Amino acid sequence: MSKKESYKFPTPTNPIAELIKRRRLQVLVHSCIYYALDDNIVPDHIFDGWARELEQLMKDHPDAYSDRFDYAFEEWDSSSGFNLPNRDPWILNKAQWLLKNR
């Protein structure tokens, strides 16, 4: 996927799936900001809460939500976002946009 390509994420109608989607995107983008861009816009305790909640949601509802980043969360746990695809063009663009517009 090039920088100019866009990706349309699934739009869940189930509240659990919507929350999983939101938390996954938050964890992906904020991991990029922290690990790839060496910055931070949310306190660590907030990120840690999102990550723990996401880990539990995915454990409790393994088939509730799916998108192109499924592979990144297959063996992920909430201990770190370091090994997530922090240089993916879509994630990197969103992270840079957030930093620019904070």
N, C-alpha and C. Protein backbone atom coordinates (compact mmCIF):
# COMPACT_ATOMS: atom_id res chain seq x y z
N MET A 1 0.86 -1.18 0.00
CA MET A 1 0.00 0.00 0.00
C MET A 1 0.90 1.24 0.00
N SER A 2 0.75 2.07 -0.98
CA SER A 2 1.57 3.27 -1.07
C SER A 2 1.00 4.36 -0.15
N LYS A 3 1.80 5.41 0.02
CA LYS A 3 1.37 6.50 0.89
C LYS A 3 0.06 7.13 0.42
N LYS A 4 -0.15 7.19 -0.90
CA LYS A 4 -1.34 7.85 -1.42
C LYS A 4 -2.55 6.94 -1.44
N GLU A 5 -2.34 5.64 -1.29
CA GLU A 5 -3.49 4.73 -1.24
C GLU A 5 -4.21 4.91 0.08
N SER A 6 -5.50 4.70 0.04
CA SER A 6 -6.27 4.75 1.28
C SER A 6 -6.81 3.35 1.56
N TYR A 7 -7.12 3.14 2.78
CA TYR A 7 -7.67 1.85 3.18
C TYR A 7 -8.99 2.12 3.88
N LYS A 8 -10.01 1.44 3.48
CA LYS A 8 -11.32 1.58 4.11
C LYS A 8 -11.48 0.47 5.13
N PHE A 9 -11.46 0.83 6.40
CA PHE A 9 -11.63 -0.14 7.46
C PHE A 9 -13.08 -0.59 7.52
N PRO A 10 -13.30 -1.84 7.92
CA PRO A 10 -14.68 -2.30 8.11
C PRO A 10 -15.41 -1.40 9.12
N THR A 11 -16.70 -1.27 8.93
CA THR A 11 -17.53 -0.47 9.84
C THR A 11 -18.44 -1.41 10.62
N PRO A 12 -18.00 -1.80 11.81
CA PRO A 12 -18.81 -2.74 12.60
C PRO A 12 -20.09 -2.09 13.10
N THR A 13 -21.10 -2.92 13.23
CA THR A 13 -22.36 -2.46 13.81
C THR A 13 -22.50 -2.93 15.25
N ASN A 14 -21.72 -3.91 15.62
CA ASN A 14 -21.70 -4.45 16.97
C ASN A 14 -20.84 -3.54 17.86
N PRO A 15 -21.33 -3.12 19.02
CA PRO A 15 -20.56 -2.22 19.89
C PRO A 15 -19.21 -2.82 20.34
N ILE A 16 -19.15 -4.11 20.56
CA ILE A 16 -17.88 -4.74 20.96
C ILE A 16 -16.88 -4.66 19.81
N ALA A 17 -17.33 -4.97 18.61
CA ALA A 17 -16.46 -4.90 17.44
C ALA A 17 -15.98 -3.47 17.21
N GLU A 18 -16.87 -2.50 17.39
CA GLU A 18 -16.49 -1.10 17.23
C GLU A 18 -15.43 -0.71 18.25
N LEU A 19 -15.57 -1.15 19.48
CA LEU A 19 -14.58 -0.84 20.51
C LEU A 19 -13.24 -1.51 20.20
N ILE A 20 -13.26 -2.75 19.73
CA ILE A 20 -12.02 -3.42 19.35
C ILE A 20 -11.35 -2.64 18.22
N LYS A 21 -12.11 -2.25 17.22
CA LYS A 21 -11.54 -1.47 16.11
C LYS A 21 -10.90 -0.19 16.64
N ARG A 22 -11.63 0.55 17.48
CA ARG A 22 -11.11 1.82 18.01
C ARG A 22 -9.83 1.61 18.80
N ARG A 23 -9.84 0.60 19.69
CA ARG A 23 -8.64 0.35 20.50
C ARG A 23 -7.47 -0.11 19.65
N ARG A 24 -7.72 -0.96 18.65
CA ARG A 24 -6.63 -1.40 17.78
C ARG A 24 -6.00 -0.22 17.06
N LEU A 25 -6.83 0.66 16.52
CA LEU A 25 -6.29 1.82 15.80
C LEU A 25 -5.55 2.76 16.75
N GLN A 26 -6.08 2.95 17.95
CA GLN A 26 -5.38 3.78 18.93
C GLN A 26 -4.02 3.18 19.28
N VAL A 27 -3.99 1.89 19.53
CA VAL A 27 -2.73 1.23 19.90
C VAL A 27 -1.74 1.29 18.74
N LEU A 28 -2.20 1.05 17.53
CA LEU A 28 -1.31 1.11 16.36
C LEU A 28 -0.73 2.50 16.17
N VAL A 29 -1.58 3.50 16.15
CA VAL A 29 -1.13 4.86 15.85
C VAL A 29 -0.26 5.41 16.98
N HIS A 30 -0.66 5.20 18.21
CA HIS A 30 0.12 5.75 19.32
C HIS A 30 1.42 4.98 19.55
N SER A 31 1.47 3.71 19.16
CA SER A 31 2.74 2.98 19.17
C SER A 31 3.69 3.57 18.15
N CYS A 32 3.16 3.92 16.99
CA CYS A 32 3.97 4.56 15.95
C CYS A 32 4.52 5.90 16.45
N ILE A 33 3.66 6.69 17.06
CA ILE A 33 4.10 7.99 17.58
C ILE A 33 5.24 7.80 18.58
N TYR A 34 5.11 6.81 19.44
CA TYR A 34 6.09 6.58 20.49
C TYR A 34 7.38 5.95 19.97
N TYR A 35 7.24 4.84 19.24
CA TYR A 35 8.42 4.07 18.83
C TYR A 35 9.07 4.56 17.54
N ALA A 36 8.28 4.98 16.56
CA ALA A 36 8.86 5.38 15.28
C ALA A 36 9.14 6.88 15.20
N LEU A 37 8.31 7.68 15.86
CA LEU A 37 8.45 9.13 15.75
C LEU A 37 9.01 9.77 17.01
N ASP A 38 9.29 8.96 18.03
CA ASP A 38 9.92 9.42 19.27
C ASP A 38 9.19 10.61 19.89
N ASP A 39 7.88 10.45 20.01
CA ASP A 39 7.05 11.50 20.60
C ASP A 39 5.94 10.81 21.39
N ASN A 40 5.09 11.59 22.00
CA ASN A 40 4.02 11.03 22.80
C ASN A 40 2.93 12.08 22.93
N ILE A 41 1.67 11.65 22.74
CA ILE A 41 0.58 12.61 22.94
C ILE A 41 -0.45 12.11 23.95
N VAL A 42 -0.29 10.88 24.41
CA VAL A 42 -1.14 10.37 25.50
C VAL A 42 -0.23 9.85 26.60
N PRO A 43 -0.62 10.04 27.84
CA PRO A 43 0.18 9.52 28.95
C PRO A 43 0.28 7.98 28.89
N ASP A 44 1.37 7.47 29.40
CA ASP A 44 1.60 6.02 29.39
C ASP A 44 0.46 5.25 30.04
N HIS A 45 -0.08 5.76 31.14
CA HIS A 45 -1.14 5.01 31.83
C HIS A 45 -2.41 4.91 30.97
N ILE A 46 -2.66 5.91 30.14
CA ILE A 46 -3.82 5.85 29.23
C ILE A 46 -3.57 4.79 28.16
N PHE A 47 -2.40 4.84 27.53
CA PHE A 47 -2.05 3.84 26.52
C PHE A 47 -2.11 2.44 27.12
N ASP A 48 -1.53 2.26 28.29
CA ASP A 48 -1.52 0.94 28.95
C ASP A 48 -2.94 0.45 29.20
N GLY A 49 -3.83 1.35 29.59
CA GLY A 49 -5.24 0.97 29.79
C GLY A 49 -5.90 0.53 28.50
N TRP A 50 -5.66 1.28 27.41
CA TRP A 50 -6.20 0.88 26.10
C TRP A 50 -5.68 -0.50 25.71
N ALA A 51 -4.37 -0.70 25.90
CA ALA A 51 -3.75 -1.96 25.49
C ALA A 51 -4.30 -3.14 26.30
N ARG A 52 -4.41 -2.98 27.60
CA ARG A 52 -4.96 -4.07 28.44
C ARG A 52 -6.41 -4.36 28.06
N GLU A 53 -7.19 -3.30 27.86
CA GLU A 53 -8.59 -3.49 27.48
C GLU A 53 -8.67 -4.22 26.13
N LEU A 54 -7.86 -3.81 25.18
CA LEU A 54 -7.86 -4.45 23.87
C LEU A 54 -7.47 -5.92 23.96
N GLU A 55 -6.44 -6.21 24.71
CA GLU A 55 -6.02 -7.61 24.86
C GLU A 55 -7.18 -8.45 25.41
N GLN A 56 -7.86 -7.96 26.41
CA GLN A 56 -8.97 -8.72 27.00
C GLN A 56 -10.15 -8.83 26.03
N LEU A 57 -10.47 -7.75 25.34
CA LEU A 57 -11.56 -7.78 24.36
C LEU A 57 -11.29 -8.81 23.26
N MET A 58 -10.07 -8.83 22.76
CA MET A 58 -9.74 -9.78 21.70
C MET A 58 -9.74 -11.22 22.21
N LYS A 59 -9.39 -11.40 23.47
CA LYS A 59 -9.43 -12.73 24.06
C LYS A 59 -10.87 -13.19 24.25
N ASP A 60 -11.72 -12.29 24.72
CA ASP A 60 -13.13 -12.62 24.98
C ASP A 60 -13.97 -12.72 23.71
N HIS A 61 -13.57 -12.00 22.67
CA HIS A 61 -14.36 -11.93 21.43
C HIS A 61 -13.43 -12.08 20.22
N PRO A 62 -12.81 -13.24 20.05
CA PRO A 62 -11.77 -13.40 19.02
C PRO A 62 -12.24 -13.20 17.58
N ASP A 63 -13.51 -13.37 17.31
CA ASP A 63 -13.99 -13.23 15.94
C ASP A 63 -14.85 -11.99 15.73
N ALA A 64 -14.82 -11.06 16.66
CA ALA A 64 -15.70 -9.90 16.59
C ALA A 64 -15.29 -8.89 15.53
N TYR A 65 -13.99 -8.75 15.28
CA TYR A 65 -13.52 -7.72 14.35
C TYR A 65 -12.29 -8.21 13.61
N SER A 66 -12.21 -7.83 12.33
CA SER A 66 -11.08 -8.21 11.50
C SER A 66 -10.78 -7.10 10.51
N ASP A 67 -9.49 -6.83 10.28
CA ASP A 67 -9.08 -5.88 9.24
C ASP A 67 -7.69 -6.29 8.76
N ARG A 68 -7.06 -5.44 7.98
CA ARG A 68 -5.77 -5.80 7.38
C ARG A 68 -4.63 -5.89 8.38
N PHE A 69 -4.85 -5.49 9.62
CA PHE A 69 -3.82 -5.57 10.64
C PHE A 69 -3.98 -6.78 11.56
N ASP A 70 -4.84 -7.72 11.19
CA ASP A 70 -5.03 -8.92 12.02
C ASP A 70 -3.70 -9.60 12.35
N TYR A 71 -2.82 -9.70 11.36
CA TYR A 71 -1.54 -10.40 11.55
C TYR A 71 -0.74 -9.79 12.70
N ALA A 72 -0.84 -8.48 12.89
CA ALA A 72 -0.06 -7.80 13.92
C ALA A 72 -0.54 -8.12 15.33
N PHE A 73 -1.79 -8.56 15.43
CA PHE A 73 -2.37 -8.82 16.75
C PHE A 73 -2.50 -10.32 17.06
N GLU A 74 -1.99 -11.18 16.18
CA GLU A 74 -2.14 -12.63 16.38
C GLU A 74 -1.52 -13.11 17.69
N GLU A 75 -0.34 -12.66 18.00
CA GLU A 75 0.32 -13.09 19.24
C GLU A 75 0.67 -11.89 20.12
N TRP A 76 0.05 -10.77 19.85
CA TRP A 76 0.32 -9.54 20.59
C TRP A 76 -0.27 -9.63 21.99
N ASP A 77 0.45 -9.04 22.94
CA ASP A 77 -0.13 -8.84 24.27
C ASP A 77 0.07 -7.37 24.63
N SER A 78 -0.55 -6.96 25.66
CA SER A 78 -0.59 -5.54 26.00
C SER A 78 0.71 -4.99 26.58
N SER A 79 1.75 -5.78 26.65
CA SER A 79 2.98 -5.33 27.30
C SER A 79 3.74 -4.28 26.49
N SER A 80 3.54 -4.24 25.17
CA SER A 80 4.28 -3.28 24.36
C SER A 80 3.65 -3.15 22.97
N GLY A 81 3.89 -2.01 22.36
CA GLY A 81 3.49 -1.81 20.97
C GLY A 81 4.70 -1.79 20.04
N PHE A 82 5.86 -2.15 20.59
CA PHE A 82 7.12 -2.08 19.84
C PHE A 82 7.10 -2.92 18.57
N ASN A 83 6.55 -4.12 18.63
CA ASN A 83 6.58 -5.02 17.48
C ASN A 83 5.40 -4.87 16.54
N LEU A 84 4.57 -3.87 16.74
CA LEU A 84 3.47 -3.61 15.82
C LEU A 84 4.02 -2.94 14.57
N PRO A 85 3.27 -2.91 13.47
CA PRO A 85 3.79 -2.34 12.21
C PRO A 85 3.84 -0.81 12.25
N ASN A 86 4.77 -0.29 13.03
CA ASN A 86 4.86 1.15 13.29
C ASN A 86 5.30 1.98 12.09
N ARG A 87 5.80 1.34 11.06
CA ARG A 87 6.23 2.07 9.85
C ARG A 87 5.28 1.84 8.67
N ASP A 88 4.15 1.20 8.92
CA ASP A 88 3.16 1.02 7.87
C ASP A 88 2.73 2.41 7.38
N PRO A 89 2.63 2.63 6.06
CA PRO A 89 2.29 3.96 5.57
C PRO A 89 0.97 4.53 6.10
N TRP A 90 -0.06 3.70 6.21
CA TRP A 90 -1.33 4.20 6.72
C TRP A 90 -1.17 4.67 8.16
N ILE A 91 -0.54 3.84 8.99
CA ILE A 91 -0.34 4.18 10.41
C ILE A 91 0.54 5.41 10.54
N LEU A 92 1.63 5.43 9.81
CA LEU A 92 2.57 6.55 9.87
C LEU A 92 1.89 7.87 9.47
N ASN A 93 1.08 7.84 8.43
CA ASN A 93 0.36 9.05 8.01
C ASN A 93 -0.58 9.55 9.10
N LYS A 94 -1.32 8.62 9.72
CA LYS A 94 -2.24 9.03 10.79
C LYS A 94 -1.47 9.58 11.99
N ALA A 95 -0.37 8.94 12.33
CA ALA A 95 0.43 9.40 13.46
C ALA A 95 1.00 10.80 13.20
N GLN A 96 1.52 11.01 12.00
CA GLN A 96 2.07 12.32 11.66
C GLN A 96 0.98 13.39 11.65
N TRP A 97 -0.20 13.04 11.15
CA TRP A 97 -1.32 13.98 11.15
C TRP A 97 -1.69 14.38 12.58
N LEU A 98 -1.77 13.38 13.47
CA LEU A 98 -2.11 13.68 14.87
C LEU A 98 -1.07 14.60 15.51
N LEU A 99 0.20 14.32 15.27
CA LEU A 99 1.24 15.18 15.85
C LEU A 99 1.16 16.60 15.30
N LYS A 100 0.89 16.73 14.04
CA LYS A 100 0.81 18.04 13.41
C LYS A 100 -0.39 18.84 13.91
N ASN A 101 -1.47 18.12 14.21
CA ASN A 101 -2.73 18.79 14.57
C ASN A 101 -3.09 18.71 16.05
N ARG A 102 -2.13 18.43 16.88
CA ARG A 102 -2.45 18.33 18.31
C ARG A 102 -2.64 19.67 18.95
